[in-house]
PDB file of N, CA and C in Angstrom:
ATOM      1  N   UNK A   1     -12.607 -22.335  -2.253  1.00  0.00           N
ATOM      2  CA  UNK A   1     -13.089 -21.010  -1.598  1.00  0.00           C
ATOM      3  C   UNK A   1     -13.413 -21.171  -0.149  1.00  0.00           C
ATOM      4  N   UNK A   2     -12.922 -20.331   0.778  1.00  0.00           N
ATOM      5  CA  UNK A   2     -13.317 -20.574   2.201  1.00  0.00           C
ATOM      6  C   UNK A   2     -14.761 -20.380   2.571  1.00  0.00           C
ATOM      7  N   UNK A   3     -15.336 -21.223   3.454  1.00  0.00           N
ATOM      8  CA  UNK A   3     -16.591 -21.198   3.734  1.00  0.00           C
ATOM      9  C   UNK A   3     -17.049 -19.974   4.040  1.00  0.00           C
ATOM     10  N   UNK A   4     -16.169 -19.389   5.106  1.00  0.00           N
ATOM     11  CA  UNK A   4     -16.598 -18.003   5.688  1.00  0.00           C
ATOM     12  C   UNK A   4     -16.725 -16.940   4.636  1.00  0.00           C
ATOM     13  N   UNK A   5     -15.700 -17.025   3.698  1.00  0.00           N
ATOM     14  CA  UNK A   5     -15.656 -15.952   2.580  1.00  0.00           C
ATOM     15  C   UNK A   5     -17.055 -16.092   1.719  1.00  0.00           C
ATOM     16  N   UNK A   6     -17.332 -17.375   1.627  1.00  0.00           N
ATOM     17  CA  UNK A   6     -18.518 -17.610   0.658  1.00  0.00           C
ATOM     18  C   UNK A   6     -19.858 -17.104   1.441  1.00  0.00           C
ATOM     19  N   UNK A   7     -19.762 -17.465   2.734  1.00  0.00           N
ATOM     20  CA  UNK A   7     -20.988 -17.019   3.595  1.00  0.00           C
ATOM     21  C   UNK A   7     -21.173 -15.433   3.544  1.00  0.00           C
ATOM     22  N   UNK A   8     -19.950 -14.873   3.733  1.00  0.00           N
ATOM     23  CA  UNK A   8     -19.932 -13.275   3.771  1.00  0.00           C
ATOM     24  C   UNK A   8     -20.552 -12.792   2.225  1.00  0.00           C
ATOM     25  N   UNK A   9     -20.051 -13.590   1.363  1.00  0.00           N
ATOM     26  CA  UNK A   9     -20.398 -12.956  -0.044  1.00  0.00           C
ATOM     27  C   UNK A   9     -21.970 -13.288  -0.111  1.00  0.00           C
ATOM     28  N   UNK A  10     -22.491 -14.370   0.351  1.00  0.00           N
ATOM     29  CA  UNK A  10     -23.845 -14.586   0.365  1.00  0.00           C
ATOM     30  C   UNK A  10     -24.658 -13.702   1.072  1.00  0.00           C
ATOM     31  N   UNK A  11     -24.306 -13.175   2.219  1.00  0.00           N
ATOM     32  CA  UNK A  11     -24.981 -12.336   2.999  1.00  0.00           C
ATOM     33  C   UNK A  11     -24.811 -10.764   2.898  1.00  0.00           C
ATOM     34  N   UNK A  12     -23.711 -10.370   2.090  1.00  0.00           N
ATOM     35  CA  UNK A  12     -23.326  -8.877   1.806  1.00  0.00           C
ATOM     36  C   UNK A  12     -24.035  -8.511   0.466  1.00  0.00           C
ATOM     37  N   UNK A  13     -24.481  -7.404   0.537  1.00  0.00           N
ATOM     38  CA  UNK A  13     -24.935  -6.773  -1.013  1.00  0.00           C
ATOM     39  C   UNK A  13     -23.697  -6.481  -1.648  1.00  0.00           C
ATOM     40  N   UNK A  14     -23.801  -6.185  -2.963  1.00  0.00           N
ATOM     41  CA  UNK A  14     -22.629  -5.883  -3.769  1.00  0.00           C
ATOM     42  C   UNK A  14     -21.908  -4.748  -3.146  1.00  0.00           C
ATOM     43  N   UNK A  15     -20.687  -4.580  -3.331  1.00  0.00           N
ATOM     44  CA  UNK A  15     -19.888  -3.507  -2.823  1.00  0.00           C
ATOM     45  C   UNK A  15     -20.514  -2.187  -2.908  1.00  0.00           C
ATOM     46  N   UNK A  16     -20.413  -1.385  -1.712  1.00  0.00           N
ATOM     47  CA  UNK A  16     -20.871  -0.106  -1.865  1.00  0.00           C
ATOM     48  C   UNK A  16     -19.878   0.968  -1.779  1.00  0.00           C
ATOM     49  N   UNK A  17     -20.171   2.103  -2.243  1.00  0.00           N
ATOM     50  CA  UNK A  17     -19.132   3.313  -2.161  1.00  0.00           C
ATOM     51  C   UNK A  17     -18.684   3.466  -0.624  1.00  0.00           C
ATOM     52  N   UNK A  18     -19.615   3.326   0.178  1.00  0.00           N
ATOM     53  CA  UNK A  18     -19.203   3.496   1.614  1.00  0.00           C
ATOM     54  C   UNK A  18     -18.269   2.587   2.236  1.00  0.00           C
ATOM     55  N   UNK A  19     -18.245   1.395   1.780  1.00  0.00           N
ATOM     56  CA  UNK A  19     -17.296   0.353   2.019  1.00  0.00           C
ATOM     57  C   UNK A  19     -15.859   0.945   1.729  1.00  0.00           C
ATOM     58  N   UNK A  20     -15.701   1.412   0.544  1.00  0.00           N
ATOM     59  CA  UNK A  20     -14.332   1.771  -0.030  1.00  0.00           C
ATOM     60  C   UNK A  20     -13.892   3.075   0.727  1.00  0.00           C
ATOM     61  N   UNK A  21     -14.887   3.970   0.923  1.00  0.00           N
ATOM     62  CA  UNK A  21     -14.671   5.173   1.764  1.00  0.00           C
ATOM     63  C   UNK A  21     -14.164   4.963   3.084  1.00  0.00           C
ATOM     64  N   UNK A  22     -14.827   3.965   3.697  1.00  0.00           N
ATOM     65  CA  UNK A  22     -14.364   3.699   5.181  1.00  0.00           C
ATOM     66  C   UNK A  22     -12.941   3.058   5.137  1.00  0.00           C
ATOM     67  N   UNK A  23     -12.495   2.212   4.310  1.00  0.00           N
ATOM     68  CA  UNK A  23     -11.208   1.725   4.283  1.00  0.00           C
ATOM     69  C   UNK A  23     -10.292   2.866   3.861  1.00  0.00           C
ATOM     70  N   UNK A  24     -10.665   3.736   2.914  1.00  0.00           N
ATOM     71  CA  UNK A  24      -9.738   4.823   2.574  1.00  0.00           C
ATOM     72  C   UNK A  24      -9.544   5.805   3.780  1.00  0.00           C
ATOM     73  N   UNK A  25     -10.569   6.117   4.553  1.00  0.00           N
ATOM     74  CA  UNK A  25     -10.476   7.115   5.645  1.00  0.00           C
ATOM     75  C   UNK A  25      -9.526   6.374   6.778  1.00  0.00           C
ATOM     76  N   UNK A  26      -9.824   4.905   6.878  1.00  0.00           N
ATOM     77  CA  UNK A  26      -8.842   4.321   7.982  1.00  0.00           C
ATOM     78  C   UNK A  26      -7.338   4.227   7.430  1.00  0.00           C
ATOM     79  N   UNK A  27      -7.064   4.179   6.173  1.00  0.00           N
ATOM     80  CA  UNK A  27      -5.779   4.185   5.765  1.00  0.00           C
ATOM     81  C   UNK A  27      -5.114   5.483   5.966  1.00  0.00           C
ATOM     82  N   UNK A  28      -5.883   6.613   5.502  1.00  0.00           N
ATOM     83  CA  UNK A  28      -5.464   7.768   5.747  1.00  0.00           C
ATOM     84  C   UNK A  28      -5.083   8.135   7.319  1.00  0.00           C
ATOM     85  N   UNK A  29      -6.053   7.756   8.267  1.00  0.00           N
ATOM     86  CA  UNK A  29      -5.677   7.796   9.629  1.00  0.00           C
ATOM     87  C   UNK A  29      -4.456   7.114   9.996  1.00  0.00           C
ATOM     88  N   UNK A  30      -4.244   6.106   9.487  1.00  0.00           N
ATOM     89  CA  UNK A  30      -2.948   5.187   9.768  1.00  0.00           C
ATOM     90  C   UNK A  30      -1.763   6.007   9.398  1.00  0.00           C
ATOM     91  N   UNK A  31      -1.811   6.516   8.116  1.00  0.00           N
ATOM     92  CA  UNK A  31      -0.679   7.361   7.601  1.00  0.00           C
ATOM     93  C   UNK A  31      -0.450   8.628   8.528  1.00  0.00           C
ATOM     94  N   UNK A  32      -1.407   9.158   9.020  1.00  0.00           N
ATOM     95  CA  UNK A  32      -1.357  10.392   9.725  1.00  0.00           C
ATOM     96  C   UNK A  32      -0.539   9.947  11.032  1.00  0.00           C
ATOM     97  N   UNK A  33      -1.175   8.827  11.690  1.00  0.00           N
ATOM     98  CA  UNK A  33      -0.495   8.375  13.021  1.00  0.00           C
ATOM     99  C   UNK A  33       0.998   7.997  12.824  1.00  0.00           C
ATOM    100  N   UNK A  34       1.274   7.343  11.587  1.00  0.00           N
ATOM    101  CA  UNK A  34       2.623   7.086  11.335  1.00  0.00           C
ATOM    102  C   UNK A  34       3.561   8.375  11.235  1.00  0.00           C
ATOM    103  N   UNK A  35       2.943   9.360  10.683  1.00  0.00           N
ATOM    104  CA  UNK A  35       3.781  10.721  10.484  1.00  0.00           C
ATOM    105  C   UNK A  35       3.919  11.218  11.948  1.00  0.00           C
ATOM    106  N   UNK A  36       3.040  11.114  12.832  1.00  0.00           N
ATOM    107  CA  UNK A  36       3.131  11.495  14.166  1.00  0.00           C
ATOM    108  C   UNK A  36       4.249  10.667  14.990  1.00  0.00           C
ATOM    109  N   UNK A  37       4.226   9.533  14.636  1.00  0.00           N
ATOM    110  CA  UNK A  37       5.232   8.655  15.285  1.00  0.00           C
ATOM    111  C   UNK A  37       6.658   9.026  14.858  1.00  0.00           C
ATOM    112  N   UNK A  38       6.748   9.230  13.607  1.00  0.00           N
ATOM    113  CA  UNK A  38       8.039   9.284  12.901  1.00  0.00           C
ATOM    114  C   UNK A  38       8.634  10.882  13.493  1.00  0.00           C
ATOM    115  N   UNK A  39       7.682  11.832  13.546  1.00  0.00           N
ATOM    116  CA  UNK A  39       7.979  13.093  13.986  1.00  0.00           C
ATOM    117  C   UNK A  39       8.615  13.046  15.563  1.00  0.00           C
ATOM    118  N   UNK A  40       8.067  12.143  16.261  1.00  0.00           N
ATOM    119  CA  UNK A  40       8.319  12.143  17.894  1.00  0.00           C
ATOM    120  C   UNK A  40       9.406  11.023  18.025  1.00  0.00           C
ATOM    121  N   UNK A  41       9.918  10.386  17.154  1.00  0.00           N
ATOM    122  CA  UNK A  41      10.844   9.192  17.395  1.00  0.00           C
ATOM    123  C   UNK A  41      12.168   9.363  16.385  1.00  0.00           C
ATOM    124  N   UNK A  42      13.211   9.160  17.081  1.00  0.00           N
ATOM    125  CA  UNK A  42      14.460   9.100  16.234  1.00  0.00           C
ATOM    126  C   UNK A  42      15.082   7.568  16.423  1.00  0.00           C
ATOM    127  N   UNK A  43      14.439   6.800  17.180  1.00  0.00           N
ATOM    128  CA  UNK A  43      15.009   5.454  17.359  1.00  0.00           C
ATOM    129  C   UNK A  43      14.975   4.589  16.016  1.00  0.00           C
ATOM    130  N   UNK A  44      16.200   4.099  15.835  1.00  0.00           N
ATOM    131  CA  UNK A  44      16.399   3.466  14.377  1.00  0.00           C
ATOM    132  C   UNK A  44      15.327   2.295  14.194  1.00  0.00           C
ATOM    133  N   UNK A  45      14.969   1.547  15.181  1.00  0.00           N
ATOM    134  CA  UNK A  45      13.984   0.392  15.102  1.00  0.00           C
ATOM    135  C   UNK A  45      12.707   0.974  14.820  1.00  0.00           C
ATOM    136  N   UNK A  46      12.342   2.031  15.323  1.00  0.00           N
ATOM    137  CA  UNK A  46      10.949   2.717  15.240  1.00  0.00           C
ATOM    138  C   UNK A  46      11.062   3.234  13.774  1.00  0.00           C
ATOM    139  N   UNK A  47      12.057   3.746  13.305  1.00  0.00           N
ATOM    140  CA  UNK A  47      12.123   4.348  11.968  1.00  0.00           C
ATOM    141  C   UNK A  47      12.004   3.161  10.884  1.00  0.00           C
ATOM    142  N   UNK A  48      12.651   2.096  11.201  1.00  0.00           N
ATOM    143  CA  UNK A  48      12.545   0.899  10.256  1.00  0.00           C
ATOM    144  C   UNK A  48      11.017   0.300  10.140  1.00  0.00           C
ATOM    145  N   UNK A  49      10.307   0.319  11.281  1.00  0.00           N
ATOM    146  CA  UNK A  49       9.137  -0.211  11.250  1.00  0.00           C
ATOM    147  C   UNK A  49       8.068   0.926  10.532  1.00  0.00           C
ATOM    148  N   UNK A  50       8.481   2.282  10.779  1.00  0.00           N
ATOM    149  CA  UNK A  50       7.649   3.284  10.146  1.00  0.00           C
ATOM    150  C   UNK A  50       7.847   3.154   8.735  1.00  0.00           C
ATOM    151  N   UNK A  51       9.005   2.968   8.098  1.00  0.00           N
ATOM    152  CA  UNK A  51       9.202   2.572   6.703  1.00  0.00           C
ATOM    153  C   UNK A  51       8.521   1.554   6.223  1.00  0.00           C
ATOM    154  N   UNK A  52       8.420   0.422   7.018  1.00  0.00           N
ATOM    155  CA  UNK A  52       7.740  -0.720   6.622  1.00  0.00           C
ATOM    156  C   UNK A  52       6.210  -0.501   6.335  1.00  0.00           C
ATOM    157  N   UNK A  53       5.691   0.211   7.506  1.00  0.00           N
ATOM    158  CA  UNK A  53       4.266   0.447   7.404  1.00  0.00           C
ATOM    159  C   UNK A  53       3.909   1.487   6.361  1.00  0.00           C
ATOM    160  N   UNK A  54       4.710   2.367   6.133  1.00  0.00           N
ATOM    161  CA  UNK A  54       4.639   3.477   4.979  1.00  0.00           C
ATOM    162  C   UNK A  54       4.429   2.612   3.658  1.00  0.00           C
ATOM    163  N   UNK A  55       5.268   1.824   3.401  1.00  0.00           N
ATOM    164  CA  UNK A  55       5.343   1.091   2.267  1.00  0.00           C
ATOM    165  C   UNK A  55       3.963   0.191   2.037  1.00  0.00           C
ATOM    166  N   UNK A  56       3.631  -0.425   3.228  1.00  0.00           N
ATOM    167  CA  UNK A  56       2.477  -1.233   3.166  1.00  0.00           C
ATOM    168  C   UNK A  56       1.174  -0.460   2.982  1.00  0.00           C
ATOM    169  N   UNK A  57       1.278   0.733   3.634  1.00  0.00           N
ATOM    170  CA  UNK A  57       0.008   1.547   3.499  1.00  0.00           C
ATOM    171  C   UNK A  57      -0.103   2.244   1.998  1.00  0.00           C
ATOM    172  N   UNK A  58       1.082   2.527   1.422  1.00  0.00           N
ATOM    173  CA  UNK A  58       1.077   2.969   0.120  1.00  0.00           C
ATOM    174  C   UNK A  58       0.547   1.789  -0.843  1.00  0.00           C
ATOM    175  N   UNK A  59       0.876   0.634  -0.559  1.00  0.00           N
ATOM    176  CA  UNK A  59       0.557  -0.578  -1.415  1.00  0.00           C
ATOM    177  C   UNK A  59      -1.043  -0.783  -1.181  1.00  0.00           C
ATOM    178  N   UNK A  60      -1.674  -0.549  -0.010  1.00  0.00           N
ATOM    179  CA  UNK A  60      -3.007  -0.727   0.214  1.00  0.00           C
ATOM    180  C   UNK A  60      -3.636   0.447  -0.471  1.00  0.00           C
ATOM    181  N   UNK A  61      -3.289   1.557  -0.646  1.00  0.00           N
ATOM    182  CA  UNK A  61      -3.870   2.760  -1.445  1.00  0.00           C
ATOM    183  C   UNK A  61      -3.988   2.245  -2.922  1.00  0.00           C
ATOM    184  N   UNK A  62      -2.925   1.725  -3.380  1.00  0.00           N
ATOM    185  CA  UNK A  62      -3.005   1.349  -4.820  1.00  0.00           C
ATOM    186  C   UNK A  62      -3.901   0.227  -5.048  1.00  0.00           C
ATOM    187  N   UNK A  63      -3.851  -0.801  -4.081  1.00  0.00           N
ATOM    188  CA  UNK A  63      -4.991  -1.860  -4.095  1.00  0.00           C
ATOM    189  C   UNK A  63      -6.367  -1.420  -4.051  1.00  0.00           C
ATOM    190  N   UNK A  64      -6.633  -0.382  -3.125  1.00  0.00           N
ATOM    191  CA  UNK A  64      -7.847   0.199  -3.011  1.00  0.00           C
ATOM    192  C   UNK A  64      -8.331   0.913  -4.251  1.00  0.00           C
ATOM    193  N   UNK A  65      -7.475   1.729  -4.787  1.00  0.00           N
ATOM    194  CA  UNK A  65      -7.759   2.408  -6.026  1.00  0.00           C
ATOM    195  C   UNK A  65      -8.216   1.288  -7.135  1.00  0.00           C
ATOM    196  N   UNK A  66      -7.456   0.274  -7.244  1.00  0.00           N
ATOM    197  CA  UNK A  66      -7.707  -0.579  -8.271  1.00  0.00           C
ATOM    198  C   UNK A  66      -8.971  -1.225  -8.216  1.00  0.00           C
ATOM    199  N   UNK A  67      -9.344  -1.671  -6.754  1.00  0.00           N
ATOM    200  CA  UNK A  67     -10.729  -2.324  -6.627  1.00  0.00           C
ATOM    201  C   UNK A  67     -11.750  -1.256  -6.933  1.00  0.00           C
ATOM    202  N   UNK A  68     -11.647   0.064  -6.489  1.00  0.00           N
ATOM    203  CA  UNK A  68     -12.582   0.995  -6.887  1.00  0.00           C
ATOM    204  C   UNK A  68     -12.839   1.199  -8.335  1.00  0.00           C
ATOM    205  N   UNK A  69     -11.804   1.224  -9.038  1.00  0.00           N
ATOM    206  CA  UNK A  69     -11.825   1.348 -10.475  1.00  0.00           C
ATOM    207  C   UNK A  69     -12.691  -0.043 -10.987  1.00  0.00           C
ATOM    208  N   UNK A  70     -12.362  -1.088 -10.547  1.00  0.00           N
ATOM    209  CA  UNK A  70     -13.218  -2.224 -10.874  1.00  0.00           C
ATOM    210  C   UNK A  70     -14.645  -2.234 -10.608  1.00  0.00           C
ATOM    211  N   UNK A  71     -14.870  -1.707  -9.397  1.00  0.00           N
ATOM    212  CA  UNK A  71     -16.196  -1.496  -9.070  1.00  0.00           C
ATOM    213  C   UNK A  71     -17.039  -0.483  -9.806  1.00  0.00           C
ATOM    214  N   UNK A  72     -16.286   0.527 -10.223  1.00  0.00           N
ATOM    215  CA  UNK A  72     -16.929   1.527 -11.259  1.00  0.00           C
ATOM    216  C   UNK A  72     -17.504   0.905 -12.480  1.00  0.00           C
ATOM    217  N   UNK A  73     -16.679  -0.001 -12.921  1.00  0.00           N
ATOM    218  CA  UNK A  73     -16.964  -0.602 -14.241  1.00  0.00           C
ATOM    219  C   UNK A  73     -18.360  -1.165 -14.120  1.00  0.00           C
ATOM    220  N   UNK A  74     -18.806  -1.563 -13.013  1.00  0.00           N
ATOM    221  CA  UNK A  74     -20.126  -2.202 -12.917  1.00  0.00           C
ATOM    222  C   UNK A  74     -21.274  -1.217 -12.945  1.00  0.00           C
ATOM    223  N   UNK A  75     -20.794   0.077 -12.651  1.00  0.00           N
ATOM    224  CA  UNK A  75     -22.079   1.100 -12.454  1.00  0.00           C
ATOM    225  C   UNK A  75     -22.179   1.909 -13.721  1.00  0.00           C
ATOM    226  N   UNK A  76     -21.109   1.647 -14.585  1.00  0.00           N
ATOM    227  CA  UNK A  76     -20.983   2.335 -16.138  1.00  0.00           C
ATOM    228  C   UNK A  76     -21.738   1.347 -17.023  1.00  0.00           C
ATOM    229  N   UNK A  77     -22.729   1.986 -17.870  1.00  0.00           N
ATOM    230  CA  UNK A  77     -23.304   1.185 -18.955  1.00  0.00           C
ATOM    231  C   UNK A  77     -22.225   0.362 -19.713  1.00  0.00           C
ATOM    232  N   UNK A  78     -22.591  -0.817 -20.030  1.00  0.00           N
ATOM    233  CA  UNK A  78     -21.710  -1.890 -20.760  1.00  0.00           C
ATOM    234  C   UNK A  78     -21.915  -1.628 -22.204  1.00  0.00           C
ATOM    235  N   UNK A  79     -20.899  -1.568 -22.943  1.00  0.00           N
ATOM    236  CA  UNK A  79     -20.881  -1.252 -24.570  1.00  0.00           C
ATOM    237  C   UNK A  79     -20.962  -2.698 -25.059  1.00  0.00           C
ATOM    238  N   UNK A  80     -20.220  -3.661 -24.389  1.00  0.00           N
ATOM    239  CA  UNK A  80     -20.205  -5.163 -24.855  1.00  0.00           C
ATOM    240  C   UNK A  80     -21.344  -5.753 -24.206  1.00  0.00           C
ATOM    241  N   UNK A  81     -21.771  -6.860 -25.003  1.00  0.00           N
ATOM    242  CA  UNK A  81     -22.761  -7.705 -24.398  1.00  0.00           C
ATOM    243  C   UNK A  81     -22.393  -8.835 -23.626  1.00  0.00           C
ATOM    244  N   UNK A  82     -22.769  -8.860 -22.297  1.00  0.00           N
ATOM    245  CA  UNK A  82     -22.259  -9.883 -21.408  1.00  0.00           C
ATOM    246  C   UNK A  82     -23.493 -10.545 -20.822  1.00  0.00           C
ATOM    247  N   UNK A  83     -23.470 -11.803 -20.525  1.00  0.00           N
ATOM    248  CA  UNK A  83     -24.654 -12.506 -19.880  1.00  0.00           C
ATOM    249  C   UNK A  83     -24.755 -12.088 -18.449  1.00  0.00           C
ATOM    250  N   UNK A  84     -25.898 -12.236 -18.012  1.00  0.00           N
ATOM    251  CA  UNK A  84     -26.151 -11.834 -16.361  1.00  0.00           C
ATOM    252  C   UNK A  84     -25.052 -12.732 -15.687  1.00  0.00           C
ATOM    253  N   UNK A  85     -25.117 -14.052 -16.086  1.00  0.00           N
ATOM    254  CA  UNK A  85     -24.129 -15.126 -15.371  1.00  0.00           C
ATOM    255  C   UNK A  85     -22.729 -14.473 -15.245  1.00  0.00           C
ATOM    256  N   UNK A  86     -22.280 -13.916 -16.494  1.00  0.00           N
ATOM    257  CA  UNK A  86     -20.902 -13.512 -16.649  1.00  0.00           C
ATOM    258  C   UNK A  86     -20.658 -12.306 -15.788  1.00  0.00           C
ATOM    259  N   UNK A  87     -21.679 -11.412 -15.733  1.00  0.00           N
ATOM    260  CA  UNK A  87     -21.547 -10.252 -14.856  1.00  0.00           C
ATOM    261  C   UNK A  87     -21.714 -10.678 -13.459  1.00  0.00           C
ATOM    262  N   UNK A  88     -22.489 -11.612 -13.099  1.00  0.00           N
ATOM    263  CA  UNK A  88     -22.581 -11.962 -11.624  1.00  0.00           C
ATOM    264  C   UNK A  88     -21.239 -12.532 -11.236  1.00  0.00           C
ATOM    265  N   UNK A  89     -20.741 -13.359 -12.128  1.00  0.00           N
ATOM    266  CA  UNK A  89     -19.269 -14.076 -11.777  1.00  0.00           C
ATOM    267  C   UNK A  89     -18.289 -13.008 -11.515  1.00  0.00           C
ATOM    268  N   UNK A  90     -18.301 -12.052 -12.362  1.00  0.00           N
ATOM    269  CA  UNK A  90     -17.294 -10.965 -12.164  1.00  0.00           C
ATOM    270  C   UNK A  90     -17.604 -10.118 -10.806  1.00  0.00           C
ATOM    271  N   UNK A  91     -18.780  -9.937 -10.570  1.00  0.00           N
ATOM    272  CA  UNK A  91     -19.077  -9.335  -9.307  1.00  0.00           C
ATOM    273  C   UNK A  91     -18.624 -10.138  -8.141  1.00  0.00           C
ATOM    274  N   UNK A  92     -18.881 -11.177  -8.151  1.00  0.00           N
ATOM    275  CA  UNK A  92     -18.541 -12.209  -7.135  1.00  0.00           C
ATOM    276  C   UNK A  92     -17.008 -12.379  -6.923  1.00  0.00           C
ATOM    277  N   UNK A  93     -16.362 -12.281  -7.968  1.00  0.00           N
ATOM    278  CA  UNK A  93     -14.853 -12.324  -7.967  1.00  0.00           C
ATOM    279  C   UNK A  93     -14.396 -10.988  -7.242  1.00  0.00           C
ATOM    280  N   UNK A  94     -15.021  -9.856  -7.745  1.00  0.00           N
ATOM    281  CA  UNK A  94     -14.586  -8.708  -7.217  1.00  0.00           C
ATOM    282  C   UNK A  94     -14.800  -8.620  -5.627  1.00  0.00           C
ATOM    283  N   UNK A  95     -16.036  -8.998  -5.333  1.00  0.00           N
ATOM    284  CA  UNK A  95     -16.425  -9.098  -3.998  1.00  0.00           C
ATOM    285  C   UNK A  95     -15.580  -9.745  -2.960  1.00  0.00           C
ATOM    286  N   UNK A  96     -15.177 -10.937  -3.596  1.00  0.00           N
ATOM    287  CA  UNK A  96     -14.064 -11.734  -2.868  1.00  0.00           C
ATOM    288  C   UNK A  96     -12.784 -11.192  -2.660  1.00  0.00           C
ATOM    289  N   UNK A  97     -12.301 -10.622  -3.896  1.00  0.00           N
ATOM    290  CA  UNK A  97     -11.067  -9.755  -3.799  1.00  0.00           C
ATOM    291  C   UNK A  97     -11.223  -8.714  -2.651  1.00  0.00           C
ATOM    292  N   UNK A  98     -12.327  -7.972  -2.679  1.00  0.00           N
ATOM    293  CA  UNK A  98     -12.527  -6.892  -1.667  1.00  0.00           C
ATOM    294  C   UNK A  98     -12.560  -7.572  -0.218  1.00  0.00           C
ATOM    295  N   UNK A  99     -13.114  -8.679   0.017  1.00  0.00           N
ATOM    296  CA  UNK A  99     -13.113  -9.302   1.288  1.00  0.00           C
ATOM    297  C   UNK A  99     -11.613  -9.578   1.764  1.00  0.00           C
ATOM    298  N   UNK A 100     -11.023 -10.104   0.715  1.00  0.00           N
ATOM    299  CA  UNK A 100      -9.517 -10.577   1.033  1.00  0.00           C
ATOM    300  C   UNK A 100      -8.798  -9.246   1.452  1.00  0.00           C
ATOM    301  N   UNK A 101      -8.967  -8.235   0.630  1.00  0.00           N
ATOM    302  CA  UNK A 101      -8.283  -6.943   0.923  1.00  0.00           C
ATOM    303  C   UNK A 101      -8.632  -6.364   2.259  1.00  0.00           C
ATOM    304  N   UNK A 102      -9.981  -6.544   2.505  1.00  0.00           N
ATOM    305  CA  UNK A 102     -10.372  -6.005   3.922  1.00  0.00           C
ATOM    306  C   UNK A 102      -9.798  -6.861   5.092  1.00  0.00           C
ATOM    307  N   UNK A 103      -9.658  -8.144   4.794  1.00  0.00           N
ATOM    308  CA  UNK A 103      -8.952  -9.082   5.895  1.00  0.00           C
ATOM    309  C   UNK A 103      -7.492  -8.605   6.007  1.00  0.00           C
ATOM    310  N   UNK A 104      -6.829  -8.441   4.890  1.00  0.00           N
ATOM    311  CA  UNK A 104      -5.414  -8.036   4.919  1.00  0.00           C
ATOM    312  C   UNK A 104      -5.286  -6.736   5.608  1.00  0.00           C
ATOM    313  N   UNK A 105      -6.138  -5.794   5.197  1.00  0.00           N
ATOM    314  CA  UNK A 105      -6.022  -4.472   6.011  1.00  0.00           C
ATOM    315  C   UNK A 105      -6.169  -4.510   7.397  1.00  0.00           C
ATOM    316  N   UNK A 106      -7.148  -5.212   7.846  1.00  0.00           N
ATOM    317  CA  UNK A 106      -7.515  -5.461   9.195  1.00  0.00           C
ATOM    318  C   UNK A 106      -6.190  -6.054   9.979  1.00  0.00           C
ATOM    319  N   UNK A 107      -5.547  -6.998   9.232  1.00  0.00           N
ATOM    320  CA  UNK A 107      -4.346  -7.462   9.989  1.00  0.00           C
ATOM    321  C   UNK A 107      -3.259  -6.461  10.007  1.00  0.00           C
ATOM    322  N   UNK A 108      -3.051  -5.744   8.913  1.00  0.00           N
ATOM    323  CA  UNK A 108      -2.118  -4.627   8.777  1.00  0.00           C
ATOM    324  C   UNK A 108      -2.334  -3.645   9.915  1.00  0.00           C
ATOM    325  N   UNK A 109      -3.599  -3.198  10.029  1.00  0.00           N
ATOM    326  CA  UNK A 109      -4.091  -2.243  11.130  1.00  0.00           C
ATOM    327  C   UNK A 109      -3.704  -2.671  12.468  1.00  0.00           C
ATOM    328  N   UNK A 110      -4.002  -3.944  12.771  1.00  0.00           N
ATOM    329  CA  UNK A 110      -3.866  -4.542  14.027  1.00  0.00           C
ATOM    330  C   UNK A 110      -2.223  -4.551  14.342  1.00  0.00           C
ATOM    331  N   UNK A 111      -1.529  -4.962  13.327  1.00  0.00           N
ATOM    332  CA  UNK A 111      -0.028  -5.001  13.417  1.00  0.00           C
ATOM    333  C   UNK A 111       0.571  -3.748  13.698  1.00  0.00           C
ATOM    334  N   UNK A 112       0.026  -2.640  13.088  1.00  0.00           N
ATOM    335  CA  UNK A 112       0.379  -1.396  13.250  1.00  0.00           C
ATOM    336  C   UNK A 112       0.139  -0.876  14.624  1.00  0.00           C
ATOM    337  N   UNK A 113      -1.018  -1.125  15.185  1.00  0.00           N
ATOM    338  CA  UNK A 113      -1.327  -0.762  16.476  1.00  0.00           C
ATOM    339  C   UNK A 113      -0.525  -1.408  17.629  1.00  0.00           C
ATOM    340  N   UNK A 114      -0.290  -2.711  17.286  1.00  0.00           N
ATOM    341  CA  UNK A 114       0.597  -3.481  18.315  1.00  0.00           C
ATOM    342  C   UNK A 114       1.956  -3.103  18.310  1.00  0.00           C
ATOM    343  N   UNK A 115       2.627  -2.720  17.038  1.00  0.00           N
ATOM    344  CA  UNK A 115       3.969  -2.304  17.126  1.00  0.00           C
ATOM    345  C   UNK A 115       4.269  -0.938  17.248  1.00  0.00           C
ATOM    346  N   UNK A 116       3.397   0.018  16.795  1.00  0.00           N
ATOM    347  CA  UNK A 116       3.886   1.421  16.705  1.00  0.00           C
ATOM    348  C   UNK A 116       2.962   2.303  17.527  1.00  0.00           C
ATOM    349  N   UNK A 117       1.859   2.178  17.720  1.00  0.00           N
ATOM    350  CA  UNK A 117       1.001   3.094  18.469  1.00  0.00           C
ATOM    351  C   UNK A 117       1.471   3.150  19.893  1.00  0.00           C
ATOM    352  N   UNK A 118       2.049   2.241  20.491  1.00  0.00           N
ATOM    353  CA  UNK A 118       2.386   2.396  21.854  1.00  0.00           C
ATOM    354  C   UNK A 118       3.507   3.558  21.792  1.00  0.00           C
ATOM    355  N   UNK A 119       4.129   3.990  20.719  1.00  0.00           N
ATOM    356  CA  UNK A 119       5.280   5.016  20.796  1.00  0.00           C
ATOM    357  C   UNK A 119       4.743   6.336  20.682  1.00  0.00           C
ATOM    358  N   UNK A 120       3.361   6.476  20.519  1.00  0.00           N
ATOM    359  CA  UNK A 120       2.830   7.945  20.410  1.00  0.00           C
ATOM    360  C   UNK A 120       2.932   8.580  21.901  1.00  0.00           C
TER     361      UNK A 120
END
């Protein structure tokens, strides 16, 4: 495990609904900007980039929904008996998945702005 990810894990509270909402809003904003770019451009290269980003943003939507579903499992009462250590391990795993998702999303957002926003 990377030291920076572990440090973030140690310093961050367990995932909040607000964390998911912020990424969801950013994803929606990028999709809106993408539609503006497509509406204003007929260049084949731009349309290829737009298709790439559309696919990536849809994948991020699905990944975010999956993470949210996993997060909700921790707020619902558990029918099965699990140890505190087991629950904590699962929370840490989910938090690391979220941090990785967040890093990937930031990379995608940066790439989006570098390659497409200049065409607005």
